[in-house]
Amino acid sequence: MQNDIKLIDFLRDRHSTPVAQIREPGPSQEELEAILTFATRVPDHGKLAPWRLVVYRGDVRKKLGEVFLAIALKNTPDMTDAAKQAELTRFSRAPLVVGVVSTAAPHVKIPEWEQQLSAGALCLNMLIAANAHGYVANWRTEWIAYDEEALALLGIKPREKVAGFIHIGSSDFQTPDRPRPELSQVVTYAGEGEP
């Protein structure tokens, strides 16, 4: 992404690059820390920081893929070769993956739902921060975000939930835009100021 693009232009054209099109290089440690710092600047009612981040990179991604495949084979023993390969490369498709984990918990003043929304906002901020540093990104969950065995393997504690796995890297793939909803289909006006 070029630095001279205006924010309004970026927001108008924002999209996610398909994970299959993400490749090396990924961010340096300094760039990653900046991306993570910017990502955490989200609305956070009560300043609870009701989320945490787990960075998966290097050889651990391949090891996780092997265990993902083993878990998947227990549930679907007749997997095709393509499906097996997809499990093996689930976390190695991009140079790094950041798990955004919602740690929302009961609070006397802050509803858990608001805490969960803060984790979702962090996911979107991370996509934007990665793009601002010249990288592409994709926000995924997939079955591993809901499987107890996979969650334990990923270091997700009981009561925590995965808001997303953000895959970050490089690409020269020209992602086609997808259909977006017409405002008339998703916006209603209440009271004065109706168009």
N, C-alpha and C. Protein backbone atom coordinates (compact mmCIF):
# COMPACT_ATOMS: atom_id res chain seq x y z
N MET A 1 0.85 -1.18 0.00
CA MET A 1 0.00 0.00 0.00
C MET A 1 0.89 1.23 0.00
N GLN A 2 0.63 2.15 -0.87
CA GLN A 2 1.45 3.35 -0.96
C GLN A 2 1.03 4.34 0.12
N ASN A 3 2.03 5.05 0.66
CA ASN A 3 1.77 5.99 1.75
C ASN A 3 0.96 7.20 1.33
N ASP A 4 0.88 7.49 0.03
CA ASP A 4 0.18 8.69 -0.40
C ASP A 4 -1.33 8.47 -0.63
N ILE A 5 -1.81 7.26 -0.41
CA ILE A 5 -3.24 7.00 -0.55
C ILE A 5 -3.96 7.63 0.63
N LYS A 6 -5.02 8.35 0.34
CA LYS A 6 -5.78 8.99 1.40
C LYS A 6 -6.62 7.94 2.14
N LEU A 7 -6.84 8.22 3.41
CA LEU A 7 -7.62 7.29 4.22
C LEU A 7 -9.00 7.04 3.62
N ILE A 8 -9.63 8.06 3.12
CA ILE A 8 -10.97 7.89 2.55
C ILE A 8 -10.94 6.97 1.33
N ASP A 9 -9.88 7.06 0.53
CA ASP A 9 -9.74 6.16 -0.62
C ASP A 9 -9.54 4.72 -0.15
N PHE A 10 -8.72 4.57 0.88
CA PHE A 10 -8.46 3.24 1.44
C PHE A 10 -9.76 2.60 1.94
N LEU A 11 -10.53 3.36 2.72
CA LEU A 11 -11.76 2.82 3.28
C LEU A 11 -12.78 2.46 2.19
N ARG A 12 -12.82 3.25 1.13
CA ARG A 12 -13.75 2.97 0.04
C ARG A 12 -13.39 1.66 -0.65
N ASP A 13 -12.11 1.36 -0.76
CA ASP A 13 -11.65 0.19 -1.51
C ASP A 13 -11.20 -0.98 -0.63
N ARG A 14 -11.35 -0.87 0.71
CA ARG A 14 -10.84 -1.90 1.62
C ARG A 14 -11.40 -3.28 1.29
N HIS A 15 -10.54 -4.27 1.32
CA HIS A 15 -10.94 -5.65 1.09
C HIS A 15 -9.91 -6.56 1.74
N SER A 16 -10.25 -7.81 1.86
CA SER A 16 -9.31 -8.80 2.39
C SER A 16 -8.75 -9.62 1.25
N THR A 17 -7.46 -9.89 1.32
CA THR A 17 -6.82 -10.75 0.32
C THR A 17 -7.05 -12.21 0.71
N PRO A 18 -7.46 -13.06 -0.22
CA PRO A 18 -7.65 -14.48 0.11
C PRO A 18 -6.39 -15.08 0.72
N VAL A 19 -6.57 -15.91 1.75
CA VAL A 19 -5.42 -16.50 2.43
C VAL A 19 -4.53 -17.27 1.46
N ALA A 20 -5.12 -17.93 0.48
CA ALA A 20 -4.33 -18.70 -0.49
C ALA A 20 -3.40 -17.82 -1.31
N GLN A 21 -3.65 -16.51 -1.33
CA GLN A 21 -2.82 -15.59 -2.12
C GLN A 21 -1.80 -14.85 -1.25
N ILE A 22 -1.72 -15.17 0.03
CA ILE A 22 -0.78 -14.49 0.93
C ILE A 22 0.52 -15.29 0.97
N ARG A 23 1.65 -14.59 0.93
CA ARG A 23 2.96 -15.25 0.90
C ARG A 23 3.97 -14.42 1.69
N GLU A 24 5.20 -14.89 1.70
CA GLU A 24 6.32 -14.13 2.28
C GLU A 24 6.57 -12.90 1.41
N PRO A 25 7.17 -11.86 1.95
CA PRO A 25 7.58 -11.72 3.35
C PRO A 25 6.45 -11.24 4.23
N GLY A 26 6.63 -11.51 5.51
CA GLY A 26 5.74 -10.98 6.53
C GLY A 26 6.42 -9.81 7.21
N PRO A 27 5.74 -9.20 8.16
CA PRO A 27 6.31 -8.05 8.86
C PRO A 27 7.54 -8.43 9.68
N SER A 28 8.46 -7.50 9.78
CA SER A 28 9.59 -7.66 10.70
C SER A 28 9.06 -7.56 12.13
N GLN A 29 9.88 -7.87 13.11
CA GLN A 29 9.44 -7.77 14.50
C GLN A 29 9.03 -6.34 14.84
N GLU A 30 9.80 -5.37 14.36
CA GLU A 30 9.47 -3.96 14.62
C GLU A 30 8.12 -3.59 13.98
N GLU A 31 7.92 -4.02 12.73
CA GLU A 31 6.64 -3.74 12.06
C GLU A 31 5.49 -4.45 12.77
N LEU A 32 5.72 -5.70 13.19
CA LEU A 32 4.68 -6.45 13.87
C LEU A 32 4.27 -5.75 15.17
N GLU A 33 5.25 -5.28 15.92
CA GLU A 33 4.93 -4.60 17.17
C GLU A 33 4.14 -3.32 16.91
N ALA A 34 4.46 -2.61 15.83
CA ALA A 34 3.67 -1.42 15.48
C ALA A 34 2.26 -1.81 15.09
N ILE A 35 2.12 -2.86 14.28
CA ILE A 35 0.79 -3.34 13.87
C ILE A 35 -0.03 -3.72 15.10
N LEU A 36 0.57 -4.45 16.03
CA LEU A 36 -0.16 -4.87 17.22
C LEU A 36 -0.51 -3.68 18.12
N THR A 37 0.40 -2.72 18.20
CA THR A 37 0.14 -1.51 18.99
C THR A 37 -1.04 -0.75 18.43
N PHE A 38 -1.05 -0.55 17.11
CA PHE A 38 -2.16 0.16 16.47
C PHE A 38 -3.47 -0.65 16.59
N ALA A 39 -3.36 -1.96 16.49
CA ALA A 39 -4.55 -2.81 16.54
C ALA A 39 -5.27 -2.68 17.88
N THR A 40 -4.51 -2.48 18.94
CA THR A 40 -5.13 -2.42 20.27
C THR A 40 -5.74 -1.06 20.61
N ARG A 41 -5.65 -0.11 19.70
CA ARG A 41 -6.28 1.20 19.92
C ARG A 41 -7.73 1.15 19.47
N VAL A 42 -8.55 0.48 20.27
CA VAL A 42 -9.95 0.25 19.94
C VAL A 42 -10.85 0.74 21.05
N PRO A 43 -12.14 0.94 20.75
CA PRO A 43 -13.08 1.24 21.82
C PRO A 43 -13.03 0.14 22.88
N ASP A 44 -13.01 0.53 24.13
CA ASP A 44 -12.84 -0.42 25.23
C ASP A 44 -13.50 0.18 26.46
N HIS A 45 -14.81 0.00 26.56
CA HIS A 45 -15.59 0.54 27.67
C HIS A 45 -15.03 0.03 29.00
N GLY A 46 -14.64 0.94 29.86
CA GLY A 46 -14.10 0.58 31.16
C GLY A 46 -12.60 0.32 31.16
N LYS A 47 -11.96 0.46 30.01
CA LYS A 47 -10.51 0.23 29.89
C LYS A 47 -10.11 -1.14 30.45
N LEU A 48 -10.86 -2.16 30.06
CA LEU A 48 -10.62 -3.51 30.57
C LEU A 48 -9.58 -4.28 29.77
N ALA A 49 -9.34 -3.87 28.52
CA ALA A 49 -8.52 -4.68 27.59
C ALA A 49 -9.00 -6.14 27.64
N PRO A 50 -10.27 -6.37 27.23
CA PRO A 50 -10.85 -7.71 27.36
C PRO A 50 -10.48 -8.64 26.21
N TRP A 51 -9.21 -8.69 25.91
CA TRP A 51 -8.69 -9.51 24.82
C TRP A 51 -7.20 -9.70 25.04
N ARG A 52 -6.66 -10.67 24.35
CA ARG A 52 -5.21 -10.87 24.32
C ARG A 52 -4.85 -11.40 22.95
N LEU A 53 -3.57 -11.32 22.62
CA LEU A 53 -3.10 -11.70 21.28
C LEU A 53 -2.08 -12.82 21.39
N VAL A 54 -2.15 -13.77 20.46
CA VAL A 54 -1.18 -14.86 20.38
C VAL A 54 -0.61 -14.85 18.96
N VAL A 55 0.71 -14.72 18.85
CA VAL A 55 1.37 -14.69 17.54
C VAL A 55 1.91 -16.08 17.24
N TYR A 56 1.48 -16.62 16.10
CA TYR A 56 1.94 -17.93 15.64
C TYR A 56 2.80 -17.69 14.41
N ARG A 57 4.08 -18.02 14.51
CA ARG A 57 4.96 -17.89 13.34
C ARG A 57 6.09 -18.90 13.46
N GLY A 58 6.86 -19.02 12.40
CA GLY A 58 7.95 -19.99 12.41
C GLY A 58 7.46 -21.43 12.35
N ASP A 59 8.24 -22.34 12.89
CA ASP A 59 7.96 -23.78 12.80
C ASP A 59 6.70 -24.20 13.54
N VAL A 60 6.28 -23.44 14.53
CA VAL A 60 5.08 -23.83 15.28
C VAL A 60 3.86 -23.92 14.37
N ARG A 61 3.82 -23.14 13.29
CA ARG A 61 2.68 -23.18 12.36
C ARG A 61 2.57 -24.54 11.69
N LYS A 62 3.71 -25.12 11.32
CA LYS A 62 3.70 -26.44 10.68
C LYS A 62 3.30 -27.52 11.69
N LYS A 63 3.82 -27.41 12.91
CA LYS A 63 3.47 -28.39 13.96
C LYS A 63 1.98 -28.33 14.27
N LEU A 64 1.44 -27.13 14.33
CA LEU A 64 0.00 -26.98 14.57
C LEU A 64 -0.79 -27.64 13.44
N GLY A 65 -0.35 -27.46 12.21
CA GLY A 65 -1.03 -28.07 11.07
C GLY A 65 -1.09 -29.58 11.19
N GLU A 66 -0.01 -30.19 11.66
CA GLU A 66 0.01 -31.65 11.83
C GLU A 66 -1.02 -32.09 12.86
N VAL A 67 -1.14 -31.32 13.94
CA VAL A 67 -2.13 -31.67 14.97
C VAL A 67 -3.54 -31.37 14.49
N PHE A 68 -3.73 -30.26 13.76
CA PHE A 68 -5.04 -29.97 13.19
C PHE A 68 -5.50 -31.13 12.31
N LEU A 69 -4.57 -31.65 11.50
CA LEU A 69 -4.91 -32.78 10.63
C LEU A 69 -5.31 -34.00 11.46
N ALA A 70 -4.55 -34.29 12.51
CA ALA A 70 -4.87 -35.45 13.36
C ALA A 70 -6.26 -35.31 13.97
N ILE A 71 -6.60 -34.12 14.45
CA ILE A 71 -7.93 -33.89 15.03
C ILE A 71 -9.00 -34.05 13.95
N ALA A 72 -8.76 -33.46 12.80
CA ALA A 72 -9.74 -33.53 11.71
C ALA A 72 -9.96 -34.98 11.26
N LEU A 73 -8.89 -35.76 11.22
CA LEU A 73 -9.01 -37.16 10.79
C LEU A 73 -9.84 -37.99 11.78
N LYS A 74 -9.81 -37.63 13.05
CA LYS A 74 -10.63 -38.33 14.04
C LYS A 74 -12.12 -38.12 13.74
N ASN A 75 -12.44 -36.91 13.29
CA ASN A 75 -13.84 -36.57 13.00
C ASN A 75 -14.26 -36.99 11.59
N THR A 76 -13.30 -36.96 10.65
CA THR A 76 -13.59 -37.29 9.25
C THR A 76 -12.46 -38.16 8.72
N PRO A 77 -12.49 -39.45 9.00
CA PRO A 77 -11.37 -40.31 8.60
C PRO A 77 -11.18 -40.47 7.10
N ASP A 78 -12.20 -40.21 6.31
CA ASP A 78 -12.10 -40.40 4.86
C ASP A 78 -11.82 -39.09 4.13
N MET A 79 -11.03 -38.21 4.73
CA MET A 79 -10.72 -36.92 4.11
C MET A 79 -9.98 -37.11 2.79
N THR A 80 -10.24 -36.22 1.85
CA THR A 80 -9.51 -36.25 0.58
C THR A 80 -8.09 -35.73 0.81
N ASP A 81 -7.23 -35.97 -0.15
CA ASP A 81 -5.85 -35.47 -0.05
C ASP A 81 -5.82 -33.95 0.01
N ALA A 82 -6.70 -33.31 -0.75
CA ALA A 82 -6.76 -31.84 -0.74
C ALA A 82 -7.18 -31.32 0.63
N ALA A 83 -8.15 -31.99 1.26
CA ALA A 83 -8.60 -31.58 2.58
C ALA A 83 -7.49 -31.79 3.62
N LYS A 84 -6.75 -32.88 3.48
CA LYS A 84 -5.62 -33.13 4.39
C LYS A 84 -4.57 -32.03 4.25
N GLN A 85 -4.27 -31.67 3.01
CA GLN A 85 -3.28 -30.61 2.76
C GLN A 85 -3.75 -29.29 3.34
N ALA A 86 -5.04 -29.01 3.24
CA ALA A 86 -5.59 -27.77 3.79
C ALA A 86 -5.38 -27.71 5.30
N GLU A 87 -5.54 -28.85 5.98
CA GLU A 87 -5.31 -28.87 7.43
C GLU A 87 -3.83 -28.67 7.75
N LEU A 88 -2.97 -29.35 7.00
CA LEU A 88 -1.53 -29.23 7.24
C LEU A 88 -1.03 -27.79 7.09
N THR A 89 -1.64 -27.05 6.18
CA THR A 89 -1.16 -25.69 5.88
C THR A 89 -2.06 -24.61 6.46
N ARG A 90 -2.98 -24.98 7.34
CA ARG A 90 -3.96 -24.02 7.86
C ARG A 90 -3.29 -22.77 8.45
N PHE A 91 -2.17 -22.93 9.16
CA PHE A 91 -1.49 -21.79 9.76
C PHE A 91 -0.19 -21.43 9.05
N SER A 92 0.16 -22.14 7.99
CA SER A 92 1.41 -21.81 7.30
C SER A 92 1.15 -21.21 5.92
N ARG A 93 -0.11 -20.89 5.63
CA ARG A 93 -0.43 -20.25 4.36
C ARG A 93 0.12 -18.83 4.31
N ALA A 94 0.16 -18.16 5.45
CA ALA A 94 0.70 -16.80 5.55
C ALA A 94 1.95 -16.84 6.44
N PRO A 95 2.82 -15.85 6.31
CA PRO A 95 4.04 -15.83 7.12
C PRO A 95 3.79 -15.81 8.62
N LEU A 96 2.66 -15.21 9.03
CA LEU A 96 2.32 -15.26 10.45
C LEU A 96 0.83 -15.14 10.63
N VAL A 97 0.37 -15.65 11.76
CA VAL A 97 -1.03 -15.60 12.13
C VAL A 97 -1.10 -15.04 13.54
N VAL A 98 -2.02 -14.11 13.75
CA VAL A 98 -2.23 -13.56 15.09
C VAL A 98 -3.61 -13.98 15.56
N GLY A 99 -3.65 -14.69 16.68
CA GLY A 99 -4.92 -15.05 17.28
C GLY A 99 -5.41 -13.90 18.15
N VAL A 100 -6.62 -13.45 17.91
CA VAL A 100 -7.24 -12.42 18.76
C VAL A 100 -8.22 -13.16 19.65
N VAL A 101 -7.94 -13.15 20.94
CA VAL A 101 -8.69 -13.93 21.90
C VAL A 101 -9.51 -13.01 22.79
N SER A 102 -10.81 -13.21 22.80
CA SER A 102 -11.69 -12.44 23.68
C SER A 102 -11.62 -13.05 25.07
N THR A 103 -11.29 -12.20 26.05
CA THR A 103 -11.24 -12.64 27.44
C THR A 103 -12.43 -12.06 28.21
N ALA A 104 -13.49 -11.72 27.50
CA ALA A 104 -14.68 -11.11 28.11
C ALA A 104 -15.15 -11.95 29.29
N ALA A 105 -15.54 -11.24 30.35
CA ALA A 105 -16.00 -11.91 31.57
C ALA A 105 -17.05 -11.04 32.24
N PRO A 106 -17.85 -11.65 33.12
CA PRO A 106 -18.84 -10.85 33.83
C PRO A 106 -18.19 -9.66 34.54
N HIS A 107 -18.88 -8.53 34.50
CA HIS A 107 -18.37 -7.30 35.11
C HIS A 107 -19.56 -6.53 35.67
N VAL A 108 -19.34 -5.84 36.76
CA VAL A 108 -20.44 -5.15 37.42
C VAL A 108 -21.05 -4.04 36.55
N LYS A 109 -20.26 -3.45 35.65
CA LYS A 109 -20.76 -2.35 34.84
C LYS A 109 -20.71 -2.59 33.33
N ILE A 110 -19.77 -3.40 32.87
CA ILE A 110 -19.54 -3.55 31.43
C ILE A 110 -20.10 -4.89 30.95
N PRO A 111 -21.15 -4.88 30.12
CA PRO A 111 -21.69 -6.15 29.62
C PRO A 111 -20.63 -6.93 28.82
N GLU A 112 -20.70 -8.25 28.92
CA GLU A 112 -19.75 -9.09 28.19
C GLU A 112 -19.83 -8.83 26.69
N TRP A 113 -21.05 -8.58 26.19
CA TRP A 113 -21.23 -8.32 24.75
C TRP A 113 -20.37 -7.15 24.32
N GLU A 114 -20.32 -6.07 25.10
CA GLU A 114 -19.49 -4.92 24.73
C GLU A 114 -18.01 -5.29 24.74
N GLN A 115 -17.63 -6.14 25.66
CA GLN A 115 -16.24 -6.59 25.71
C GLN A 115 -15.90 -7.41 24.47
N GLN A 116 -16.83 -8.25 24.04
CA GLN A 116 -16.61 -9.06 22.84
C GLN A 116 -16.52 -8.18 21.59
N LEU A 117 -17.36 -7.15 21.53
CA LEU A 117 -17.30 -6.23 20.40
C LEU A 117 -15.94 -5.55 20.32
N SER A 118 -15.33 -5.26 21.46
CA SER A 118 -14.00 -4.65 21.47
C SER A 118 -12.98 -5.57 20.80
N ALA A 119 -13.09 -6.88 21.04
CA ALA A 119 -12.19 -7.84 20.39
C ALA A 119 -12.41 -7.86 18.88
N GLY A 120 -13.66 -7.75 18.45
CA GLY A 120 -13.94 -7.68 17.02
C GLY A 120 -13.36 -6.42 16.40
N ALA A 121 -13.47 -5.31 17.12
CA ALA A 121 -12.88 -4.06 16.63
C ALA A 121 -11.37 -4.20 16.50
N LEU A 122 -10.75 -4.93 17.42
CA LEU A 122 -9.31 -5.15 17.35
C LEU A 122 -8.94 -5.92 16.08
N CYS A 123 -9.76 -6.90 15.73
CA CYS A 123 -9.49 -7.66 14.50
C CYS A 123 -9.48 -6.74 13.28
N LEU A 124 -10.49 -5.89 13.16
CA LEU A 124 -10.55 -4.99 12.01
C LEU A 124 -9.39 -4.00 12.05
N ASN A 125 -9.08 -3.47 13.23
CA ASN A 125 -7.94 -2.55 13.33
C ASN A 125 -6.65 -3.22 12.88
N MET A 126 -6.51 -4.51 13.19
CA MET A 126 -5.28 -5.20 12.80
C MET A 126 -5.19 -5.33 11.28
N LEU A 127 -6.33 -5.60 10.62
CA LEU A 127 -6.31 -5.65 9.16
C LEU A 127 -5.85 -4.31 8.59
N ILE A 128 -6.41 -3.24 9.12
CA ILE A 128 -6.08 -1.89 8.63
C ILE A 128 -4.62 -1.56 8.94
N ALA A 129 -4.16 -1.90 10.14
CA ALA A 129 -2.76 -1.62 10.52
C ALA A 129 -1.78 -2.40 9.64
N ALA A 130 -2.12 -3.65 9.33
CA ALA A 130 -1.25 -4.44 8.44
C ALA A 130 -1.19 -3.79 7.06
N ASN A 131 -2.35 -3.39 6.54
CA ASN A 131 -2.39 -2.72 5.24
C ASN A 131 -1.58 -1.43 5.27
N ALA A 132 -1.68 -0.67 6.34
CA ALA A 132 -0.95 0.60 6.46
C ALA A 132 0.55 0.39 6.44
N HIS A 133 1.01 -0.80 6.81
CA HIS A 133 2.44 -1.12 6.78
C HIS A 133 2.84 -1.80 5.48
N GLY A 134 1.92 -1.87 4.52
CA GLY A 134 2.26 -2.44 3.22
C GLY A 134 2.02 -3.92 3.09
N TYR A 135 1.31 -4.52 4.05
CA TYR A 135 1.03 -5.96 4.01
C TYR A 135 -0.45 -6.20 3.73
N VAL A 136 -0.78 -7.42 3.37
CA VAL A 136 -2.16 -7.82 3.20
C VAL A 136 -2.54 -8.68 4.40
N ALA A 137 -3.85 -8.82 4.61
CA ALA A 137 -4.29 -9.61 5.76
C ALA A 137 -5.67 -10.18 5.50
N ASN A 138 -5.99 -11.23 6.26
CA ASN A 138 -7.30 -11.86 6.16
C ASN A 138 -7.71 -12.31 7.55
N TRP A 139 -8.97 -12.05 7.91
CA TRP A 139 -9.54 -12.39 9.21
C TRP A 139 -10.33 -13.68 9.06
N ARG A 140 -9.89 -14.75 9.73
CA ARG A 140 -10.55 -16.05 9.64
C ARG A 140 -10.88 -16.57 11.04
N THR A 141 -11.78 -17.53 11.11
CA THR A 141 -11.97 -18.30 12.34
C THR A 141 -11.81 -19.78 11.99
N GLU A 142 -12.72 -20.33 11.24
CA GLU A 142 -12.70 -21.72 10.82
C GLU A 142 -12.98 -22.64 12.00
N TRP A 143 -13.03 -23.94 11.75
CA TRP A 143 -13.47 -24.90 12.77
C TRP A 143 -12.58 -24.90 14.00
N ILE A 144 -11.31 -24.57 13.85
CA ILE A 144 -10.38 -24.63 14.98
C ILE A 144 -10.74 -23.62 16.08
N ALA A 145 -11.52 -22.61 15.74
CA ALA A 145 -11.93 -21.62 16.73
C ALA A 145 -13.04 -22.14 17.63
N TYR A 146 -13.59 -23.31 17.30
CA TYR A 146 -14.74 -23.84 18.03
C TYR A 146 -14.52 -25.27 18.54
N ASP A 147 -13.38 -25.84 18.25
CA ASP A 147 -13.09 -27.22 18.64
C ASP A 147 -12.29 -27.21 19.95
N GLU A 148 -12.79 -27.90 20.98
CA GLU A 148 -12.14 -27.85 22.29
C GLU A 148 -10.71 -28.34 22.26
N GLU A 149 -10.44 -29.41 21.53
CA GLU A 149 -9.08 -29.95 21.46
C GLU A 149 -8.14 -28.97 20.76
N ALA A 150 -8.60 -28.39 19.66
CA ALA A 150 -7.78 -27.40 18.94
C ALA A 150 -7.55 -26.16 19.80
N LEU A 151 -8.58 -25.71 20.49
CA LEU A 151 -8.45 -24.52 21.34
C LEU A 151 -7.40 -24.74 22.44
N ALA A 152 -7.42 -25.91 23.06
CA ALA A 152 -6.42 -26.22 24.10
C ALA A 152 -5.02 -26.20 23.50
N LEU A 153 -4.88 -26.79 22.33
CA LEU A 153 -3.60 -26.81 21.62
C LEU A 153 -3.09 -25.40 21.33
N LEU A 154 -4.02 -24.50 20.99
CA LEU A 154 -3.68 -23.13 20.64
C LEU A 154 -3.44 -22.23 21.85
N GLY A 155 -3.62 -22.77 23.04
CA GLY A 155 -3.40 -21.98 24.25
C GLY A 155 -4.59 -21.12 24.65
N ILE A 156 -5.78 -21.48 24.16
CA ILE A 156 -7.00 -20.73 24.50
C ILE A 156 -7.58 -21.35 25.76
N LYS A 157 -7.80 -20.53 26.77
CA LYS A 157 -8.27 -21.00 28.07
C LYS A 157 -9.79 -21.17 28.07
N PRO A 158 -10.29 -21.99 29.01
CA PRO A 158 -11.75 -22.09 29.15
C PRO A 158 -12.35 -20.70 29.39
N ARG A 159 -13.53 -20.46 28.87
CA ARG A 159 -14.27 -19.19 28.91
C ARG A 159 -13.76 -18.17 27.90
N GLU A 160 -12.56 -18.35 27.36
CA GLU A 160 -12.09 -17.45 26.30
C GLU A 160 -12.70 -17.88 24.98
N LYS A 161 -12.77 -16.93 24.04
CA LYS A 161 -13.29 -17.23 22.71
C LYS A 161 -12.35 -16.60 21.67
N VAL A 162 -12.22 -17.26 20.55
CA VAL A 162 -11.40 -16.72 19.46
C VAL A 162 -12.26 -15.74 18.66
N ALA A 163 -11.84 -14.48 18.66
CA ALA A 163 -12.52 -13.48 17.83
C ALA A 163 -12.07 -13.63 16.38
N GLY A 164 -10.83 -14.07 16.18
CA GLY A 164 -10.34 -14.27 14.83
C GLY A 164 -8.88 -14.64 14.81
N PHE A 165 -8.50 -15.25 13.71
CA PHE A 165 -7.09 -15.50 13.40
C PHE A 165 -6.76 -14.59 12.22
N ILE A 166 -5.84 -13.66 12.41
CA ILE A 166 -5.50 -12.70 11.38
C ILE A 166 -4.22 -13.18 10.68
N HIS A 167 -4.36 -13.54 9.40
CA HIS A 167 -3.24 -14.01 8.58
C HIS A 167 -2.63 -12.78 7.91
N ILE A 168 -1.31 -12.60 8.07
CA ILE A 168 -0.65 -11.39 7.56
C ILE A 168 0.55 -11.79 6.70
N GLY A 169 0.73 -11.11 5.58
CA GLY A 169 1.88 -11.35 4.71
C GLY A 169 1.86 -10.40 3.53
N SER A 170 2.38 -10.86 2.41
CA SER A 170 2.49 -10.05 1.20
C SER A 170 1.72 -10.72 0.06
N SER A 171 1.38 -9.93 -0.94
CA SER A 171 0.71 -10.47 -2.12
C SER A 171 0.71 -9.43 -3.22
N ASP A 172 0.74 -9.91 -4.47
CA ASP A 172 0.54 -9.01 -5.60
C ASP A 172 -0.76 -9.39 -6.32
N PHE A 173 -1.58 -10.21 -5.66
CA PHE A 173 -2.86 -10.66 -6.22
C PHE A 173 -3.84 -9.50 -6.22
N GLN A 174 -4.46 -9.26 -7.35
CA GLN A 174 -5.45 -8.20 -7.48
C GLN A 174 -6.81 -8.76 -7.07
N THR A 175 -7.16 -8.56 -5.82
CA THR A 175 -8.41 -9.11 -5.29
C THR A 175 -9.60 -8.40 -5.92
N PRO A 176 -10.48 -9.14 -6.58
CA PRO A 176 -11.68 -8.49 -7.12
C PRO A 176 -12.61 -8.11 -5.98
N ASP A 177 -13.32 -7.00 -6.15
CA ASP A 177 -14.27 -6.61 -5.12
C ASP A 177 -15.45 -7.55 -5.15
N ARG A 178 -16.08 -7.72 -4.03
CA ARG A 178 -17.27 -8.56 -3.95
C ARG A 178 -18.49 -7.66 -3.85
N PRO A 179 -19.66 -8.19 -4.12
CA PRO A 179 -20.86 -7.36 -3.99
C PRO A 179 -21.01 -6.84 -2.56
N ARG A 180 -21.36 -5.60 -2.44
CA ARG A 180 -21.59 -4.97 -1.13
C ARG A 180 -23.07 -4.60 -1.04
N PRO A 181 -23.62 -4.59 0.17
CA PRO A 181 -25.05 -4.29 0.29
C PRO A 181 -25.35 -2.84 -0.09
N GLU A 182 -26.49 -2.64 -0.71
CA GLU A 182 -26.97 -1.29 -0.97
C GLU A 182 -27.40 -0.69 0.36
N LEU A 183 -27.11 0.58 0.57
CA LEU A 183 -27.49 1.21 1.84
C LEU A 183 -28.98 1.08 2.10
N SER A 184 -29.78 1.15 1.05
CA SER A 184 -31.23 1.06 1.23
C SER A 184 -31.65 -0.28 1.82
N GLN A 185 -30.79 -1.31 1.71
CA GLN A 185 -31.11 -2.63 2.23
C GLN A 185 -30.72 -2.79 3.70
N VAL A 186 -29.83 -1.93 4.18
CA VAL A 186 -29.30 -2.14 5.54
C VAL A 186 -29.43 -0.93 6.45
N VAL A 187 -29.93 0.20 5.93
CA VAL A 187 -30.02 1.43 6.72
C VAL A 187 -31.47 1.86 6.84
N THR A 188 -31.88 2.16 8.07
CA THR A 188 -33.17 2.80 8.28
C THR A 188 -32.91 4.09 9.05
N TYR A 189 -33.78 5.06 8.87
CA TYR A 189 -33.66 6.34 9.55
C TYR A 189 -34.81 6.47 10.54
N ALA A 190 -34.50 6.86 11.75
CA ALA A 190 -35.53 7.05 12.76
C ALA A 190 -35.67 8.54 13.07
N GLY A 191 -36.90 9.02 13.09
CA GLY A 191 -37.14 10.39 13.48
C GLY A 191 -36.80 11.39 12.39
N GLU A 192 -36.49 12.59 12.82
CA GLU A 192 -36.19 13.68 11.89
C GLU A 192 -34.93 13.38 11.10
N GLY A 193 -34.83 13.99 9.96
CA GLY A 193 -33.65 13.80 9.11
C GLY A 193 -33.80 12.65 8.14
N GLU A 194 -34.99 12.07 8.04
CA GLU A 194 -35.19 11.01 7.06
C GLU A 194 -35.02 11.56 5.66
N PRO A 195 -34.39 10.78 4.77
CA PRO A 195 -34.20 11.28 3.39
C PRO A 195 -35.50 11.34 2.62
